[in-house]
C-alpha atoms as a PDB file:
ATOM      1  CA  MET A   1       0.098  -0.324  -0.254  1.00  0.00           C
ATOM      2  CA  SER A   2       1.208   3.820  -0.833  1.00  0.00           C
ATOM      3  CA  PRO A   3       3.103   4.904   2.223  1.00  0.00           C
ATOM      4  CA  ASP A   4       0.611   8.192   1.882  1.00  0.00           C
ATOM      5  CA  LYS A   5      -2.220   6.728   2.215  1.00  0.00           C
ATOM      6  CA  ALA A   6      -4.368   5.613   5.720  1.00  0.00           C
ATOM      7  CA  TRP A   7      -4.663   2.351   6.811  1.00  0.00           C
ATOM      8  CA  ILE A   8      -7.477   0.560   8.085  1.00  0.00           C
ATOM      9  CA  ASP A   9      -8.058   2.002  11.353  1.00  0.00           C
ATOM     10  CA  PRO A  10      -7.421  -1.099  14.240  1.00  0.00           C
ATOM     11  CA  ILE A  11      -9.731   0.000  16.521  1.00  0.00           C
ATOM     12  CA  ALA A  12     -13.003   0.437  13.936  1.00  0.00           C
ATOM     13  CA  LEU A  13     -11.832  -2.998  12.420  1.00  0.00           C
ATOM     14  CA  ARG A  14     -11.931  -4.820  16.210  1.00  0.00           C
ATOM     15  CA  GLU A  15     -15.146  -3.488  16.795  1.00  0.00           C
ATOM     16  CA  GLU A  16     -16.446  -5.226  13.757  1.00  0.00           C
ATOM     17  CA  VAL A  17     -14.627  -8.194  14.289  1.00  0.00           C
ATOM     18  CA  LYS A  18     -16.244  -8.311  17.518  1.00  0.00           C
ATOM     19  CA  LYS A  19     -19.231  -8.025  16.125  1.00  0.00           C
ATOM     20  CA  LYS A  20     -19.150 -10.421  14.155  1.00  0.00           C
ATOM     21  CA  TYR A  21     -17.445 -12.708  16.510  1.00  0.00           C
ATOM     22  CA  ARG A  22     -20.291 -12.160  18.956  1.00  0.00           C
ATOM     23  CA  GLU A  23     -22.784 -13.201  16.848  1.00  0.00           C
ATOM     24  CA  VAL A  24     -20.999 -16.095  16.107  1.00  0.00           C
ATOM     25  CA  ALA A  25     -21.265 -17.473  20.008  1.00  0.00           C
ATOM     26  CA  SER A  26     -24.587 -16.252  20.773  1.00  0.00           C
ATOM     27  CA  ASN A  27     -25.886 -17.727  17.120  1.00  0.00           C
ATOM     28  CA  PRO A  28     -23.927 -20.501  15.945  1.00  0.00           C
ATOM     29  CA  THR A  29     -25.817 -22.060  13.150  1.00  0.00           C
ATOM     30  CA  GLY A  30     -26.919 -17.863  11.795  1.00  0.00           C
ATOM     31  CA  ALA A  31     -25.646 -17.594   8.302  1.00  0.00           C
ATOM     32  CA  PHE A  32     -22.290 -17.243   7.933  1.00  0.00           C
ATOM     33  CA  HIS A  33     -19.919 -16.464   5.071  1.00  0.00           C
ATOM     34  CA  PHE A  34     -17.461 -19.715   6.703  1.00  0.00           C
ATOM     35  CA  HIS A  35     -19.003 -23.017   8.250  1.00  0.00           C
ATOM     36  CA  THR A  36     -19.723 -23.565  12.143  1.00  0.00           C
ATOM     37  CA  GLY A  37     -19.742 -26.193  14.671  1.00  0.00           C
ATOM     38  CA  ARG A  38     -19.506 -30.148  14.075  1.00  0.00           C
ATOM     39  CA  GLY A  39     -19.744 -30.033  10.206  1.00  0.00           C
ATOM     40  CA  ALA A  40     -17.132 -27.351   9.847  1.00  0.00           C
ATOM     41  CA  ALA A  41     -15.179 -30.180  12.164  1.00  0.00           C
ATOM     42  CA  ARG A  42     -15.245 -33.175  10.028  1.00  0.00           C
ATOM     43  CA  ARG A  43     -14.963 -30.437   6.771  1.00  0.00           C
ATOM     44  CA  LEU A  44     -11.152 -29.186   8.004  1.00  0.00           C
ATOM     45  CA  GLY A  45     -10.121 -33.553   9.461  1.00  0.00           C
ATOM     46  CA  TYR A  46     -11.149 -33.483  12.518  1.00  0.00           C
ATOM     47  CA  SER A  47     -11.538 -37.080  13.796  1.00  0.00           C
ATOM     48  CA  PRO A  48     -14.810 -38.054  14.948  1.00  0.00           C
ATOM     49  CA  GLU A  49     -12.633 -38.644  18.191  1.00  0.00           C
ATOM     50  CA  GLN A  50     -11.284 -35.598  19.206  1.00  0.00           C
ATOM     51  CA  PHE A  51     -14.602 -33.788  19.017  1.00  0.00           C
ATOM     52  CA  GLU A  52     -17.362 -36.295  19.715  1.00  0.00           C
ATOM     53  CA  HIS A  53     -17.311 -36.284  23.106  1.00  0.00           C
ATOM     54  CA  MET A  54     -17.484 -32.536  24.030  1.00  0.00           C
ATOM     55  CA  PRO A  55     -20.599 -31.114  24.758  1.00  0.00           C
ATOM     56  CA  GLU A  56     -22.617 -28.591  21.744  1.00  0.00           C
ATOM     57  CA  ALA A  57     -21.705 -25.737  23.203  1.00  0.00           C
ATOM     58  CA  ALA A  58     -18.006 -26.725  23.145  1.00  0.00           C
ATOM     59  CA  VAL A  59     -18.094 -27.174  19.257  1.00  0.00           C
ATOM     60  CA  GLU A  60     -21.492 -25.069  17.928  1.00  0.00           C
ATOM     61  CA  SER A  61     -19.195 -21.883  17.183  1.00  0.00           C
ATOM     62  CA  PHE A  62     -16.238 -23.653  16.228  1.00  0.00           C
ATOM     63  CA  ALA A  63     -14.789 -21.527  13.548  1.00  0.00           C
ATOM     64  CA  GLY A  64     -11.658 -22.846  12.681  1.00  0.00           C
ATOM     65  CA  VAL A  65     -10.504 -22.585   8.983  1.00  0.00           C
ATOM     66  CA  ALA A  66      -7.860 -25.958   9.445  1.00  0.00           C
ATOM     67  CA  ASN A  67      -6.472 -28.255  11.918  1.00  0.00           C
ATOM     68  CA  PRO A  68      -3.997 -26.973  13.493  1.00  0.00           C
ATOM     69  CA  PHE A  69      -3.236 -30.726  15.103  1.00  0.00           C
ATOM     70  CA  SER A  70      -2.837 -32.328  11.703  1.00  0.00           C
ATOM     71  CA  LEU A  71       0.972 -30.586  11.956  1.00  0.00           C
ATOM     72  CA  GLN A  72       2.186 -32.362  15.169  1.00  0.00           C
ATOM     73  CA  ALA A  73       0.281 -33.890  18.119  1.00  0.00           C
ATOM     74  CA  LEU A  74       0.532 -32.515  21.307  1.00  0.00           C
ATOM     75  CA  GLN A  75       2.703 -33.910  24.335  1.00  0.00           C
ATOM     76  CA  VAL A  76       2.100 -34.696  27.251  1.00  0.00           C
ATOM     77  CA  GLY A  77       3.240 -32.245  29.640  1.00  0.00           C
ATOM     78  CA  GLU A  78       3.779 -29.329  27.339  1.00  0.00           C
ATOM     79  CA  LYS A  79       2.319 -26.099  27.931  1.00  0.00           C
ATOM     80  CA  VAL A  80       0.183 -25.034  24.935  1.00  0.00           C
ATOM     81  CA  LEU A  81      -1.892 -20.820  24.166  1.00  0.00           C
ATOM     82  CA  ASP A  82      -4.278 -20.580  21.857  1.00  0.00           C
ATOM     83  CA  ALA A  83      -4.029 -17.145  20.298  1.00  0.00           C
ATOM     84  CA  GLY A  84      -8.018 -16.411  19.672  1.00  0.00           C
ATOM     85  CA  SER A  85      -9.414 -19.419  21.703  1.00  0.00           C
ATOM     86  CA  GLY A  86     -12.873 -18.915  20.459  1.00  0.00           C
ATOM     87  CA  ALA A  87     -15.770 -21.412  22.752  1.00  0.00           C
ATOM     88  CA  GLY A  88     -12.303 -23.043  23.652  1.00  0.00           C
ATOM     89  CA  PHE A  89     -12.772 -26.174  21.033  1.00  0.00           C
ATOM     90  CA  ASP A  90      -9.297 -26.548  20.087  1.00  0.00           C
ATOM     91  CA  CYS A  91      -8.927 -25.754  23.861  1.00  0.00           C
ATOM     92  CA  PHE A  92     -10.233 -28.463  24.817  1.00  0.00           C
ATOM     93  CA  ILE A  93      -8.625 -30.583  22.606  1.00  0.00           C
ATOM     94  CA  ALA A  94      -5.056 -29.666  23.028  1.00  0.00           C
ATOM     95  CA  ALA A  95      -6.201 -29.775  27.172  1.00  0.00           C
ATOM     96  CA  ARG A  96      -6.565 -33.977  26.018  1.00  0.00           C
ATOM     97  CA  GLN A  97      -3.352 -34.365  24.738  1.00  0.00           C
ATOM     98  CA  VAL A  98      -1.217 -32.340  26.657  1.00  0.00           C
ATOM     99  CA  GLY A  99      -3.088 -34.106  29.647  1.00  0.00           C
ATOM    100  CA  PRO A 100      -3.710 -33.725  33.583  1.00  0.00           C
ATOM    101  CA  SER A 101       0.918 -32.638  33.841  1.00  0.00           C
ATOM    102  CA  GLY A 102       0.320 -29.999  30.834  1.00  0.00           C
ATOM    103  CA  LYS A 103      -1.729 -26.997  31.085  1.00  0.00           C
ATOM    104  CA  VAL A 104      -3.401 -24.677  28.341  1.00  0.00           C
ATOM    105  CA  ILE A 105      -4.051 -21.679  28.524  1.00  0.00           C
ATOM    106  CA  GLY A 106      -6.791 -19.679  25.958  1.00  0.00           C
ATOM    107  CA  VAL A 107      -7.466 -15.987  24.683  1.00  0.00           C
ATOM    108  CA  ASP A 108     -10.148 -14.432  24.013  1.00  0.00           C
ATOM    109  CA  MET A 109     -11.169 -10.604  23.722  1.00  0.00           C
ATOM    110  CA  LEU A 110     -14.244 -11.473  23.741  1.00  0.00           C
ATOM    111  CA  ASP A 111     -16.624 -11.936  27.468  1.00  0.00           C
ATOM    112  CA  THR A 112     -19.012 -14.013  25.043  1.00  0.00           C
ATOM    113  CA  MET A 113     -16.227 -16.851  23.860  1.00  0.00           C
ATOM    114  CA  LEU A 114     -15.100 -17.167  26.603  1.00  0.00           C
ATOM    115  CA  GLU A 115     -18.049 -17.470  29.030  1.00  0.00           C
ATOM    116  CA  LYS A 116     -18.860 -19.769  26.813  1.00  0.00           C
ATOM    117  CA  ALA A 117     -15.649 -21.379  26.970  1.00  0.00           C
ATOM    118  CA  ARG A 118     -14.588 -21.908  30.607  1.00  0.00           C
ATOM    119  CA  ALA A 119     -18.528 -23.466  31.103  1.00  0.00           C
ATOM    120  CA  SER A 120     -18.062 -26.639  28.458  1.00  0.00           C
ATOM    121  CA  ALA A 121     -14.448 -26.621  30.973  1.00  0.00           C
ATOM    122  CA  SER A 122     -16.405 -27.689  33.442  1.00  0.00           C
ATOM    123  CA  THR A 123     -19.029 -29.392  32.458  1.00  0.00           C
ATOM    124  CA  MET A 124     -16.311 -31.823  30.517  1.00  0.00           C
ATOM    125  CA  GLY A 125     -14.117 -31.411  34.174  1.00  0.00           C
ATOM    126  CA  LEU A 126     -11.219 -29.844  32.305  1.00  0.00           C
ATOM    127  CA  ALA A 127      -8.818 -28.680  35.623  1.00  0.00           C
ATOM    128  CA  ASN A 128      -6.190 -27.849  33.102  1.00  0.00           C
ATOM    129  CA  VAL A 129      -7.672 -24.877  30.517  1.00  0.00           C
ATOM    130  CA  GLU A 130      -7.828 -21.630  31.513  1.00  0.00           C
ATOM    131  CA  PHE A 131      -8.752 -18.343  29.624  1.00  0.00           C
ATOM    132  CA  ARG A 132      -7.658 -15.018  29.677  1.00  0.00           C
ATOM    133  CA  LYS A 133      -9.049 -12.096  28.224  1.00  0.00           C
ATOM    134  CA  GLY A 134      -6.936 -10.489  25.648  1.00  0.00           C
ATOM    135  CA  LEU A 135      -5.399  -9.547  22.124  1.00  0.00           C
ATOM    136  CA  LEU A 136      -3.013 -11.104  20.103  1.00  0.00           C
ATOM    137  CA  GLU A 137      -1.355  -7.764  20.578  1.00  0.00           C
ATOM    138  CA  GLU A 138      -1.218  -8.414  24.051  1.00  0.00           C
ATOM    139  CA  LEU A 139      -1.243 -11.424  25.243  1.00  0.00           C
ATOM    140  CA  PRO A 140      -1.756 -11.176  29.339  1.00  0.00           C
ATOM    141  CA  VAL A 141       0.845 -14.329  29.864  1.00  0.00           C
ATOM    142  CA  GLU A 142       4.148 -14.461  30.885  1.00  0.00           C
ATOM    143  CA  ASP A 143       7.615 -14.153  28.176  1.00  0.00           C
ATOM    144  CA  ALA A 144       8.716 -18.089  27.370  1.00  0.00           C
ATOM    145  CA  TRP A 145       5.971 -19.704  29.253  1.00  0.00           C
ATOM    146  CA  ALA A 146       4.774 -21.449  25.865  1.00  0.00           C
ATOM    147  CA  ASP A 147       6.175 -25.450  24.547  1.00  0.00           C
ATOM    148  CA  VAL A 148       3.623 -24.491  21.749  1.00  0.00           C
ATOM    149  CA  VAL A 149       1.543 -21.783  20.575  1.00  0.00           C
ATOM    150  CA  ILE A 150      -1.827 -22.007  17.997  1.00  0.00           C
ATOM    151  CA  SER A 151      -4.583 -20.312  16.336  1.00  0.00           C
ATOM    152  CA  ASN A 152      -6.858 -20.825  13.912  1.00  0.00           C
ATOM    153  CA  GLY A 153      -8.103 -18.209  11.665  1.00  0.00           C
ATOM    154  CA  VAL A 154      -7.253 -15.090  13.647  1.00  0.00           C
ATOM    155  CA  ILE A 155      -4.094 -13.819  13.139  1.00  0.00           C
ATOM    156  CA  ASN A 156      -5.606 -12.820   9.501  1.00  0.00           C
ATOM    157  CA  LEU A 157      -8.153 -10.440  11.664  1.00  0.00           C
ATOM    158  CA  CYS A 158      -5.525  -8.371  13.185  1.00  0.00           C
ATOM    159  CA  ALA A 159      -4.507  -5.477  11.325  1.00  0.00           C
ATOM    160  CA  ASP A 160      -1.248  -5.113  12.955  1.00  0.00           C
ATOM    161  CA  LYS A 161       0.114  -8.546  12.489  1.00  0.00           C
ATOM    162  CA  GLN A 162       4.114  -7.798  13.326  1.00  0.00           C
ATOM    163  CA  GLN A 163       2.997  -6.926  16.697  1.00  0.00           C
ATOM    164  CA  ALA A 164       0.711 -10.377  16.950  1.00  0.00           C
ATOM    165  CA  LEU A 165       3.643 -12.154  15.987  1.00  0.00           C
ATOM    166  CA  SER A 166       5.952 -10.626  17.902  1.00  0.00           C
ATOM    167  CA  GLU A 167       3.579 -10.989  21.087  1.00  0.00           C
ATOM    168  CA  ILE A 168       3.848 -14.864  20.100  1.00  0.00           C
ATOM    169  CA  TRP A 169       7.336 -14.598  19.431  1.00  0.00           C
ATOM    170  CA  ARG A 170       7.882 -13.120  23.357  1.00  0.00           C
ATOM    171  CA  VAL A 171       5.346 -16.139  25.139  1.00  0.00           C
ATOM    172  CA  LEU A 172       6.776 -19.241  22.943  1.00  0.00           C
ATOM    173  CA  LYS A 173      10.068 -20.689  24.791  1.00  0.00           C
ATOM    174  CA  PRO A 174      13.518 -21.391  22.955  1.00  0.00           C
ATOM    175  CA  GLY A 175      13.027 -23.711  20.281  1.00  0.00           C
ATOM    176  CA  GLY A 176       8.739 -24.153  21.033  1.00  0.00           C
ATOM    177  CA  THR A 177       6.276 -24.247  18.244  1.00  0.00           C
ATOM    178  CA  LEU A 178       3.764 -22.632  16.542  1.00  0.00           C
ATOM    179  CA  GLN A 179       0.997 -24.838  14.888  1.00  0.00           C
ATOM    180  CA  PHE A 180      -1.111 -22.418  13.087  1.00  0.00           C
ATOM    181  CA  ALA A 181      -4.239 -22.193  11.090  1.00  0.00           C
ATOM    182  CA  ASP A 182      -5.437 -19.563   8.638  1.00  0.00           C
ATOM    183  CA  ILE A 183      -6.377 -17.395   5.088  1.00  0.00           C
ATOM    184  CA  ALA A 184      -3.297 -16.059   2.900  1.00  0.00           C
ATOM    185  CA  ASN A 185      -3.086 -14.213  -0.390  1.00  0.00           C
ATOM    186  CA  GLY A 186       0.254 -14.050  -2.403  1.00  0.00           C
ATOM    187  CA  LYS A 187      -1.789 -11.698  -5.324  1.00  0.00           C
ATOM    188  CA  GLU A 188      -1.130  -8.148  -4.293  1.00  0.00           C
ATOM    189  CA  ILE A 189      -4.331  -6.442  -2.738  1.00  0.00           C
ATOM    190  CA  PRO A 190      -5.807  -3.169  -4.080  1.00  0.00           C
ATOM    191  CA  ASP A 191      -5.808  -0.229  -2.084  1.00  0.00           C
ATOM    192  CA  SER A 192      -9.556  -0.162  -2.288  1.00  0.00           C
ATOM    193  CA  ALA A 193      -9.944  -3.343  -1.045  1.00  0.00           C
ATOM    194  CA  VAL A 194      -7.167  -2.526   2.493  1.00  0.00           C
ATOM    195  CA  CYS A 195      -9.714  -0.002   3.205  1.00  0.00           C
ATOM    196  CA  ASN A 196     -12.465  -2.014   2.929  1.00  0.00           C
ATOM    197  CA  ILE A 197     -12.839  -2.824   6.556  1.00  0.00           C
ATOM    198  CA  ASP A 198     -16.052  -5.157   5.478  1.00  0.00           C
ATOM    199  CA  LEU A 199     -13.600  -6.980   3.172  1.00  0.00           C
ATOM    200  CA  TRP A 200     -11.383  -8.132   6.751  1.00  0.00           C
ATOM    201  CA  THR A 201     -14.208  -9.610   8.161  1.00  0.00           C
ATOM    202  CA  ASP A 202     -16.213 -11.099   5.572  1.00  0.00           C
END
């Protein structure tokens, strides 16, 4: 984008993203441009064994774009951060993989998603999962905490991706792993599209 032209307003973008995903939390069977729930998980290659035991509230608001666990299974005892955890779907899979000796922290900016995630964790009796409110650009996690950071379809929604990735590197231990799934475009995008906030959230 030309340096003399204004970049998209990150605050306005964040509010639009919040609006969209509040709806996903409160009305997960609504009409979206993306798939949600168990059908989406099956399409993206999650095995039924990974989520069939979950209550519907833990699955219905899932809106990921791929399966970060397909890159590599987590190890027992690992500490895992889910950057943009939504209603907790990937956190719950991670919690089973790392076991009681491991720890999973999910970070999301929406109270509605966090409430669903915490309620589902309680229903499933998962003591090794914690959910915190925060932004990818300001992760509420200490330095070098995570063995693995996972993220599923969230980094693309950040206006400042460099800052979001800097935060991910900060919370990763030296030699830690980033396993993320996201939407990317290899073609040049016209300035008119870059500045169109609706295209960022649709």
